[in-house]
Amino acid sequence: MESVRTAMGLLADGRQLTSVLYRRIASTYSLDSRSDTYADRLPHVDDPDWQI
């Protein structure tokens, strides 16, 4: 029951659950883009049929 009270306390300041989750993720990880173009952001695959 104590863990439920703790969780409710952490969510009490957030207006929406998505805002709370975003804040937690953004405080841990950088959400900035690591490249300039969309094509640079796609993962590389070896199969030529799946390449851009």
C-alpha atoms as a PDB file:
ATOM      1  CA  MET A   1       0.000   0.000   0.000  1.00  0.00           C
ATOM      2  CA  GLU A   2       2.899   2.339   0.677  1.00  0.00           C
ATOM      3  CA  SER A   3       4.183   1.943  -2.887  1.00  0.00           C
ATOM      4  CA  VAL A   4       0.759   2.973  -4.217  1.00  0.00           C
ATOM      5  CA  ARG A   5       0.837   6.125  -2.081  1.00  0.00           C
ATOM      6  CA  THR A   6       4.358   6.893  -3.306  1.00  0.00           C
ATOM      7  CA  ALA A   7       3.323   6.443  -6.952  1.00  0.00           C
ATOM      8  CA  MET A   8       0.268   8.638  -6.479  1.00  0.00           C
ATOM      9  CA  GLY A   9       2.453  11.317  -4.912  1.00  0.00           C
ATOM     10  CA  LEU A  10       4.784  11.266  -7.908  1.00  0.00           C
ATOM     11  CA  LEU A  11       1.879  11.632 -10.328  1.00  0.00           C
ATOM     12  CA  ALA A  12       0.093  14.324  -8.321  1.00  0.00           C
ATOM     13  CA  ASP A  13       2.129  17.157  -9.891  1.00  0.00           C
ATOM     14  CA  GLY A  14       1.459  16.026 -13.467  1.00  0.00           C
ATOM     15  CA  ARG A  15      -1.622  17.088 -15.346  1.00  0.00           C
ATOM     16  CA  GLN A  16      -1.457  14.136 -17.704  1.00  0.00           C
ATOM     17  CA  LEU A  17       0.246  10.785 -17.464  1.00  0.00           C
ATOM     18  CA  THR A  18       1.968  11.394 -20.810  1.00  0.00           C
ATOM     19  CA  SER A  19       3.531  14.581 -19.443  1.00  0.00           C
ATOM     20  CA  VAL A  20       4.921  12.721 -16.449  1.00  0.00           C
ATOM     21  CA  LEU A  21       6.327   9.939 -18.636  1.00  0.00           C
ATOM     22  CA  TYR A  22       7.856  12.405 -21.090  1.00  0.00           C
ATOM     23  CA  ARG A  23       9.517  14.348 -18.284  1.00  0.00           C
ATOM     24  CA  ARG A  24      11.019  11.183 -16.822  1.00  0.00           C
ATOM     25  CA  ILE A  25      12.304   9.949 -20.180  1.00  0.00           C
ATOM     26  CA  ALA A  26      13.657  13.364 -21.208  1.00  0.00           C
ATOM     27  CA  SER A  27      15.496  13.771 -17.910  1.00  0.00           C
ATOM     28  CA  THR A  28      17.273  10.445 -18.465  1.00  0.00           C
ATOM     29  CA  TYR A  29      17.859  10.344 -22.234  1.00  0.00           C
ATOM     30  CA  SER A  30      18.643  12.948 -24.861  1.00  0.00           C
ATOM     31  CA  LEU A  31      15.765  13.268 -27.311  1.00  0.00           C
ATOM     32  CA  ASP A  32      17.712  15.489 -29.699  1.00  0.00           C
ATOM     33  CA  SER A  33      18.230  14.295 -33.254  1.00  0.00           C
ATOM     34  CA  ARG A  34      21.659  12.825 -33.976  1.00  0.00           C
ATOM     35  CA  SER A  35      21.634  13.536 -37.706  1.00  0.00           C
ATOM     36  CA  ASP A  36      20.448  16.130 -40.191  1.00  0.00           C
ATOM     37  CA  THR A  37      18.280  14.124 -42.586  1.00  0.00           C
ATOM     38  CA  TYR A  38      15.573  11.525 -42.219  1.00  0.00           C
ATOM     39  CA  ALA A  39      17.552   9.061 -44.365  1.00  0.00           C
ATOM     40  CA  ASP A  40      20.490   9.313 -41.934  1.00  0.00           C
ATOM     41  CA  ARG A  41      18.217   8.385 -39.033  1.00  0.00           C
ATOM     42  CA  LEU A  42      17.021   5.115 -40.580  1.00  0.00           C
ATOM     43  CA  PRO A  43      18.842   1.976 -39.479  1.00  0.00           C
ATOM     44  CA  HIS A  44      21.140   0.387 -42.042  1.00  0.00           C
ATOM     45  CA  VAL A  45      20.117  -2.999 -43.429  1.00  0.00           C
ATOM     46  CA  ASP A  46      22.188  -5.326 -45.573  1.00  0.00           C
ATOM     47  CA  ASP A  47      19.336  -6.479 -47.821  1.00  0.00           C
ATOM     48  CA  PRO A  48      19.241  -4.150 -50.897  1.00  0.00           C
ATOM     49  CA  ASP A  49      15.486  -4.705 -51.306  1.00  0.00           C
ATOM     50  CA  TRP A  50      14.925  -2.900 -47.993  1.00  0.00           C
ATOM     51  CA  GLN A  51      17.340  -0.019 -48.566  1.00  0.00           C
ATOM     52  CA  ILE A  52      16.280   3.453 -49.644  1.00  0.00           C
END
